[in-house]
Amino acid sequence: MGSNIIDFIKKNKIGSIKEGVILKNYTTYKVGGVASLMVYPKDEDKLMLLLKKLNNENVRYKILGYGSNLIFSDDTFDGVIIKLDLLNKVKIKDTVITAGAGVSLVKLSYKALKEGLTGLEFASGIPGTIGGAVFMNAGAYKSDMGYIVSEVRVITPDLKIKTLYNKDLKYSYRNSFLKENPKYVCLEATIVLRHGDKKLIKELMETRRQKRLLSQPLEYPSAGSVFRNPPDDFAGRLIECCGLKGYKIGGAKVSEKHANFIVNEGGATASNVRDLIMYVHDKVKEKTNVDLKIEQEFVNWE
C-alpha cells in the first residue's frame, strides 16, 4: 500500500486507519489473510473523498460490514478495506426508520421492537449491517429487506449521491440491483414498518431465537446458510441426502446440526472453507442434478 494513500488519509482527516489487518478477525467464518489497510471514514463526505482518491490512483478497495457473507482468501489483500461503522445514525419518525449503512441489523430489529414497530422481526438473528443486508437482500422466515426498504441513498460508480427507490433495487430472493452492481455504495436505507403489539413482537423474536439455538450450530464460527434454497426444496435436505453431514476438509466441516451450515471447528483456512463449499456443491449436482447457488461472496481469489 503506497504511503501516498496513507498520507492523503491523514492529511484530509478521512478517519482512523489500521495497517496490516488480519481479516479473520473481521469475518464470521474467522478466516482470511491480511489486508494492507483498513479505513473507518468519519462521514459521507470523507468517504466520498476517499473513494475519489482510490479511483484516481487505481487502488482496489472493498466495503466491509460485519463480514458475515464474505470469504477472503488466505492471500494478502493489497488494497483498502473500508468500514462504514461510523455511518451509524438512526432516525425514527412514526413507522419510518432511516438507518446508516453501518447500523447493526440485529440492534435495529430490537430498536423497532422498543418502538412497537413490526416487520423487522425476521432480522433479529441476522448478524450483518444495514448496508450488507440491503446489498444482498438479507432475509429469513419468508421475509426479507425487499418487503420493507422504501429507498436507499447510494454513491454511484461515477461518485454521485443518488436515491434508489424500491422498484429500482430489483429485489428478488437473496439478490438485488446493488448485488449485481457492486460499485454502488449504500450510505443509508429508509425502512417502512407498521405499528404492532410489543408483547407479540417480542414473543415472536424470542421463539425464533430459541429455534435458532436448537437448529443452528451457533457455537462455531460460520456464515449462516451457505447455499440458497432451490425452488420448493431445501439446500440442507439435499446436502443431507448426499450423506455430507459431518464431512470435513481441514478445520472446515459441514455441520451435523444443520447441513446448510459450514463451520470452522478450529484452525480452518479460507481455502478449507472454499474447498468444502465447492465439494458440497459438486457432490449435490452430481447426485441430484440440482445446481445449488452459493450465497457467500469470495473476495481476493483471483
Protein backbone atom coordinates (compact mmCIF):
# COMPACT_ATOMS: atom_id res chain seq x y z
CA MET A 1 0.00 0.00 0.00
CA GLY A 2 1.59 3.25 -1.15
CA SER A 3 2.45 5.74 1.58
CA ASN A 4 0.78 8.48 -0.52
CA ILE A 5 -2.66 6.93 0.26
CA ILE A 6 -1.93 6.87 3.99
CA ASP A 7 -0.56 10.43 3.85
CA PHE A 8 -3.69 11.55 1.98
CA ILE A 9 -5.98 9.93 4.59
CA LYS A 10 -4.10 11.58 7.45
CA LYS A 11 -3.81 14.98 5.79
CA ASN A 12 -7.52 15.08 4.92
CA LYS A 13 -8.62 13.64 8.28
CA ILE A 14 -10.62 10.93 6.50
CA GLY A 15 -10.85 8.78 9.63
CA SER A 16 -8.94 6.24 11.69
CA ILE A 17 -6.75 3.66 9.95
CA LYS A 18 -5.24 0.28 10.74
CA GLU A 19 -2.36 -1.23 8.79
CA GLY A 20 -1.65 -4.93 8.26
CA VAL A 21 -5.11 -6.00 9.38
CA ILE A 22 -5.77 -9.72 9.98
CA LEU A 23 -9.04 -10.27 8.14
CA LYS A 24 -10.09 -13.37 10.05
CA ASN A 25 -10.81 -11.02 12.95
CA TYR A 26 -13.38 -9.25 10.77
CA THR A 27 -15.32 -12.16 9.27
CA THR A 28 -17.79 -14.54 10.91
CA TYR A 29 -16.00 -17.62 9.49
CA LYS A 30 -12.83 -16.38 11.25
CA VAL A 31 -10.73 -17.00 8.13
CA GLY A 32 -8.83 -14.79 5.68
CA GLY A 33 -5.42 -13.28 5.06
CA VAL A 34 -4.04 -9.82 5.77
CA ALA A 35 -5.31 -6.53 4.33
CA SER A 36 -2.78 -3.77 3.71
CA LEU A 37 -5.04 -1.06 5.12
CA MET A 38 -8.41 -0.60 6.83
CA VAL A 39 -10.12 2.81 6.99
CA TYR A 40 -13.09 4.00 9.04
CA PRO A 41 -14.35 7.16 7.26
CA LYS A 42 -15.80 9.74 9.66
CA ASP A 43 -18.79 10.61 7.49
CA GLU A 44 -20.22 10.54 3.96
CA ASP A 45 -18.11 13.47 2.76
CA LYS A 46 -14.87 11.84 3.93
CA LEU A 47 -15.95 8.55 2.35
CA MET A 48 -16.57 10.32 -0.97
CA LEU A 49 -13.15 12.00 -0.77
CA LEU A 50 -11.51 8.63 -0.09
CA LEU A 51 -13.30 6.89 -2.98
CA LYS A 52 -12.26 9.66 -5.39
CA LYS A 53 -8.63 9.25 -4.35
CA LEU A 54 -8.70 5.44 -4.61
CA ASN A 55 -10.35 5.59 -8.05
CA ASN A 56 -7.85 8.18 -9.31
CA GLU A 57 -4.91 6.11 -8.06
CA ASN A 58 -6.48 2.86 -9.30
CA VAL A 59 -6.26 1.31 -5.82
CA ARG A 60 -8.54 -1.65 -5.20
CA TYR A 61 -10.92 -1.45 -2.27
CA LYS A 62 -13.71 -3.42 -0.62
CA ILE A 63 -16.54 -2.18 1.58
CA LEU A 64 -16.83 -4.48 4.60
CA GLY A 65 -19.73 -4.69 7.04
CA TYR A 66 -19.69 -7.46 9.65
CA GLY A 67 -18.10 -9.93 7.24
CA SER A 68 -20.99 -12.38 7.65
CA ASN A 69 -21.21 -13.25 3.97
CA LEU A 70 -17.65 -12.77 2.71
CA ILE A 71 -14.83 -15.27 2.36
CA PHE A 72 -11.48 -13.53 1.91
CA SER A 73 -8.71 -15.76 0.58
CA ASP A 74 -5.66 -16.57 2.72
CA ASP A 75 -3.58 -14.25 0.50
CA THR A 76 -2.78 -10.61 1.22
CA PHE A 77 -5.48 -8.19 0.09
CA ASP A 78 -3.31 -5.47 -1.42
CA GLY A 79 -5.80 -2.66 -1.17
CA VAL A 80 -8.07 -0.76 1.20
CA ILE A 81 -10.84 -2.25 3.32
CA ILE A 82 -13.44 0.42 4.03
CA LYS A 83 -15.52 0.02 7.20
CA LEU A 84 -18.67 2.15 7.42
CA ASP A 85 -19.16 1.65 11.18
CA LEU A 86 -19.42 5.42 11.72
CA LEU A 87 -22.35 5.77 9.31
CA ASN A 88 -24.49 4.67 12.22
CA LYS A 89 -27.22 7.25 12.70
CA VAL A 90 -30.81 6.04 13.22
CA LYS A 91 -33.88 8.29 12.88
CA ILE A 92 -37.39 7.05 13.66
CA LYS A 93 -40.46 9.02 12.66
CA ASP A 94 -43.75 7.21 13.28
CA THR A 95 -43.35 3.95 11.27
CA VAL A 96 -40.42 5.14 9.13
CA ILE A 97 -36.83 4.32 10.11
CA THR A 98 -33.79 5.83 8.40
CA ALA A 99 -30.60 3.96 9.26
CA GLY A 100 -26.99 4.41 8.19
CA ALA A 101 -25.14 1.62 6.36
CA GLY A 102 -23.04 0.79 9.44
CA VAL A 103 -26.01 0.15 11.76
CA SER A 104 -26.33 -3.40 13.12
CA LEU A 105 -29.37 -5.19 11.70
CA VAL A 106 -29.92 -7.11 14.95
CA LYS A 107 -29.75 -3.93 17.06
CA LEU A 108 -32.15 -2.17 14.69
CA SER A 109 -34.67 -5.01 14.97
CA TYR A 110 -34.62 -4.62 18.78
CA LYS A 111 -34.94 -0.85 18.43
CA ALA A 112 -38.04 -1.41 16.28
CA LEU A 113 -39.43 -3.73 18.99
CA LYS A 114 -38.88 -0.98 21.59
CA GLU A 115 -40.88 1.42 19.41
CA GLY A 116 -43.67 -1.14 18.93
CA LEU A 117 -42.95 -1.48 15.20
CA THR A 118 -43.47 -4.77 13.37
CA GLY A 119 -41.94 -6.00 10.11
CA LEU A 120 -38.29 -6.34 11.12
CA GLU A 121 -38.64 -9.42 13.34
CA PHE A 122 -37.10 -11.65 10.64
CA ALA A 123 -33.81 -9.76 11.02
CA SER A 124 -33.34 -10.28 14.76
CA GLY A 125 -30.89 -13.16 14.17
CA ILE A 126 -29.05 -11.93 11.07
CA PRO A 127 -25.52 -10.79 12.00
CA GLY A 128 -24.97 -8.05 9.46
CA THR A 129 -25.15 -4.32 8.86
CA ILE A 130 -27.91 -2.37 7.11
CA GLY A 131 -25.56 -1.81 4.16
CA GLY A 132 -24.83 -5.51 3.78
CA ALA A 133 -28.48 -6.50 4.29
CA VAL A 134 -29.71 -4.05 1.65
CA PHE A 135 -26.97 -5.18 -0.74
CA MET A 136 -27.73 -8.92 -0.57
CA ASN A 137 -31.45 -8.70 0.31
CA ALA A 138 -30.95 -10.47 3.63
CA GLY A 139 -33.96 -12.41 4.82
CA ALA A 140 -35.45 -15.22 6.88
CA TYR A 141 -38.87 -16.67 7.68
CA LYS A 142 -40.29 -15.87 4.23
CA SER A 143 -39.50 -12.16 4.59
CA ASP A 144 -36.56 -10.01 3.50
CA MET A 145 -35.33 -6.43 3.10
CA GLY A 146 -37.20 -6.11 -0.21
CA TYR A 147 -40.51 -6.04 1.70
CA ILE A 148 -39.57 -3.16 3.99
CA VAL A 149 -36.95 -0.96 2.23
CA SER A 150 -38.60 2.02 0.54
CA GLU A 151 -35.44 3.78 -0.63
CA VAL A 152 -31.65 3.72 -0.36
CA ARG A 153 -29.15 6.56 -0.66
CA VAL A 154 -26.09 5.41 -2.57
CA ILE A 155 -22.85 6.63 -4.07
CA THR A 156 -22.90 5.69 -7.76
CA PRO A 157 -19.88 4.31 -9.66
CA ASP A 158 -19.25 7.81 -11.04
CA LEU A 159 -19.26 9.13 -7.45
CA LYS A 160 -22.60 10.95 -7.35
CA ILE A 161 -25.05 10.63 -4.48
CA LYS A 162 -28.38 9.27 -5.65
CA THR A 163 -31.60 7.86 -4.18
CA LEU A 164 -32.73 4.47 -5.45
CA TYR A 165 -36.34 3.50 -4.74
CA ASN A 166 -37.67 0.03 -4.03
CA LYS A 167 -38.59 -0.61 -7.68
CA ASP A 168 -35.06 0.44 -8.77
CA LEU A 169 -33.49 -2.05 -6.36
CA LYS A 170 -34.94 -5.05 -8.25
CA TYR A 171 -35.21 -7.19 -5.15
CA SER A 172 -35.54 -10.96 -5.54
CA TYR A 173 -34.57 -13.93 -3.37
CA ARG A 174 -31.12 -13.03 -1.87
CA ASN A 175 -30.44 -10.68 -4.75
CA SER A 176 -30.73 -7.01 -5.68
CA PHE A 177 -29.62 -4.35 -8.15
CA LEU A 178 -26.81 -3.45 -5.71
CA LYS A 179 -25.53 -7.03 -5.62
CA GLU A 180 -25.50 -7.09 -9.41
CA ASN A 181 -23.77 -3.67 -9.45
CA PRO A 182 -21.25 -3.80 -6.57
CA LYS A 183 -19.61 -0.48 -7.45
CA TYR A 184 -22.60 1.28 -5.86
CA VAL A 185 -22.03 2.05 -2.16
CA CYS A 186 -25.02 2.07 0.22
CA LEU A 187 -24.99 5.08 2.58
CA GLU A 188 -28.35 4.68 4.32
CA ALA A 189 -31.69 2.96 3.94
CA THR A 190 -35.23 4.07 4.67
CA ILE A 191 -37.38 1.27 6.06
CA VAL A 192 -41.16 1.38 6.44
CA LEU A 193 -42.69 -0.78 9.18
CA ARG A 194 -46.14 -0.97 10.82
CA HIS A 195 -47.43 -0.36 14.33
CA GLY A 196 -47.73 -3.63 16.22
CA ASP A 197 -48.19 -5.17 19.65
CA LYS A 198 -44.88 -5.03 21.55
CA LYS A 199 -45.68 -8.20 23.50
CA LEU A 200 -46.44 -10.22 20.34
CA ILE A 201 -43.35 -8.87 18.53
CA LYS A 202 -41.15 -9.80 21.50
CA GLU A 203 -42.68 -13.29 21.77
CA LEU A 204 -42.11 -13.95 18.06
CA MET A 205 -38.47 -12.81 18.26
CA GLU A 206 -37.87 -14.94 21.37
CA THR A 207 -39.50 -18.05 19.83
CA ARG A 208 -37.30 -17.70 16.76
CA ARG A 209 -34.20 -17.15 18.89
CA GLN A 210 -34.87 -20.42 20.74
CA LYS A 211 -35.49 -22.21 17.43
CA ARG A 212 -32.13 -20.92 16.06
CA LEU A 213 -30.29 -22.12 19.17
CA LEU A 214 -31.76 -25.59 18.72
CA SER A 215 -31.39 -25.90 14.95
CA GLN A 216 -28.23 -23.96 14.06
CA PRO A 217 -24.58 -24.54 15.08
CA LEU A 218 -24.19 -21.11 16.69
CA GLU A 219 -21.36 -22.35 18.92
CA TYR A 220 -18.94 -22.34 15.93
CA PRO A 221 -17.85 -19.60 13.52
CA SER A 222 -19.90 -19.79 10.31
CA ALA A 223 -21.59 -17.51 7.80
CA GLY A 224 -25.11 -18.84 8.11
CA SER A 225 -26.68 -20.62 5.15
CA VAL A 226 -24.08 -21.46 2.52
CA PHE A 227 -26.48 -22.15 -0.36
CA ARG A 228 -29.79 -20.63 -1.42
CA ASN A 229 -32.78 -22.91 -1.12
CA PRO A 230 -33.81 -24.12 -4.58
CA PRO A 231 -37.50 -23.65 -5.53
CA ASP A 232 -39.77 -25.87 -3.40
CA ASP A 233 -36.88 -27.58 -1.64
CA PHE A 234 -34.21 -27.01 0.99
CA ALA A 235 -30.46 -26.97 0.37
CA GLY A 236 -29.90 -28.59 3.79
CA ARG A 237 -32.14 -31.53 2.88
CA LEU A 238 -30.28 -32.13 -0.41
CA ILE A 239 -26.86 -31.95 1.29
CA GLU A 240 -28.01 -34.37 4.00
CA CYS A 241 -29.45 -36.77 1.37
CA CYS A 242 -26.00 -36.88 -0.23
CA GLY A 243 -24.54 -38.08 3.07
CA LEU A 244 -22.40 -34.97 3.54
CA LYS A 245 -23.29 -34.05 7.12
CA GLY A 246 -20.06 -34.04 9.12
CA TYR A 247 -17.83 -34.10 6.02
CA LYS A 248 -14.57 -32.22 6.71
CA ILE A 249 -11.75 -30.56 4.84
CA GLY A 250 -9.08 -29.35 7.27
CA GLY A 251 -10.77 -27.35 10.03
CA ALA A 252 -13.92 -26.74 7.95
CA LYS A 253 -16.88 -29.07 8.45
CA VAL A 254 -20.45 -29.50 7.19
CA SER A 255 -22.44 -29.01 10.38
CA GLU A 256 -24.10 -32.09 11.82
CA LYS A 257 -26.78 -29.84 13.29
CA HIS A 258 -27.76 -28.11 10.03
CA ALA A 259 -26.33 -29.37 6.73
CA ASN A 260 -26.56 -25.96 5.01
CA PHE A 261 -24.03 -24.54 7.50
CA ILE A 262 -20.29 -24.95 7.16
CA VAL A 263 -18.47 -24.31 10.41
CA ASN A 264 -14.91 -23.54 11.38
CA GLU A 265 -14.21 -26.20 14.01
CA GLY A 266 -10.88 -24.56 14.77
CA GLY A 267 -7.90 -23.59 12.66
CA ALA A 268 -9.73 -23.71 9.32
CA THR A 269 -8.14 -21.74 6.49
CA ALA A 270 -10.14 -19.81 3.91
CA SER A 271 -9.07 -22.45 1.37
CA ASN A 272 -10.51 -25.22 3.59
CA VAL A 273 -13.87 -23.40 3.67
CA ARG A 274 -13.92 -22.66 -0.04
CA ASP A 275 -12.82 -26.20 -0.99
CA LEU A 276 -15.57 -27.67 1.19
CA ILE A 277 -18.22 -25.37 -0.30
CA MET A 278 -17.19 -26.37 -3.82
CA TYR A 279 -17.02 -30.08 -2.87
CA VAL A 280 -20.57 -29.98 -1.43
CA HIS A 281 -21.84 -28.05 -4.44
CA ASP A 282 -20.33 -30.56 -6.90
CA LYS A 283 -21.50 -33.65 -4.98
CA VAL A 284 -25.09 -32.37 -4.78
CA LYS A 285 -25.02 -31.55 -8.51
CA GLU A 286 -23.61 -34.97 -9.34
CA LYS A 287 -26.12 -36.90 -7.19
CA THR A 288 -29.32 -34.84 -7.53
CA ASN A 289 -28.70 -32.70 -10.63
CA VAL A 290 -29.53 -29.59 -8.56
CA ASP A 291 -27.11 -26.72 -9.14
CA LEU A 292 -27.08 -25.05 -5.72
CA LYS A 293 -26.38 -21.31 -5.76
CA ILE A 294 -23.71 -20.15 -3.30
CA GLU A 295 -24.89 -17.30 -1.06
CA GLN A 296 -21.42 -16.24 0.04
CA GLU A 297 -19.06 -13.95 -1.83
CA PHE A 298 -15.44 -14.92 -2.49
CA VAL A 299 -13.03 -11.98 -2.30
CA ASN A 300 -9.37 -11.86 -3.41
CA TRP A 301 -9.25 -15.32 -5.00
CA GLU A 302 -8.20 -14.27 -8.50
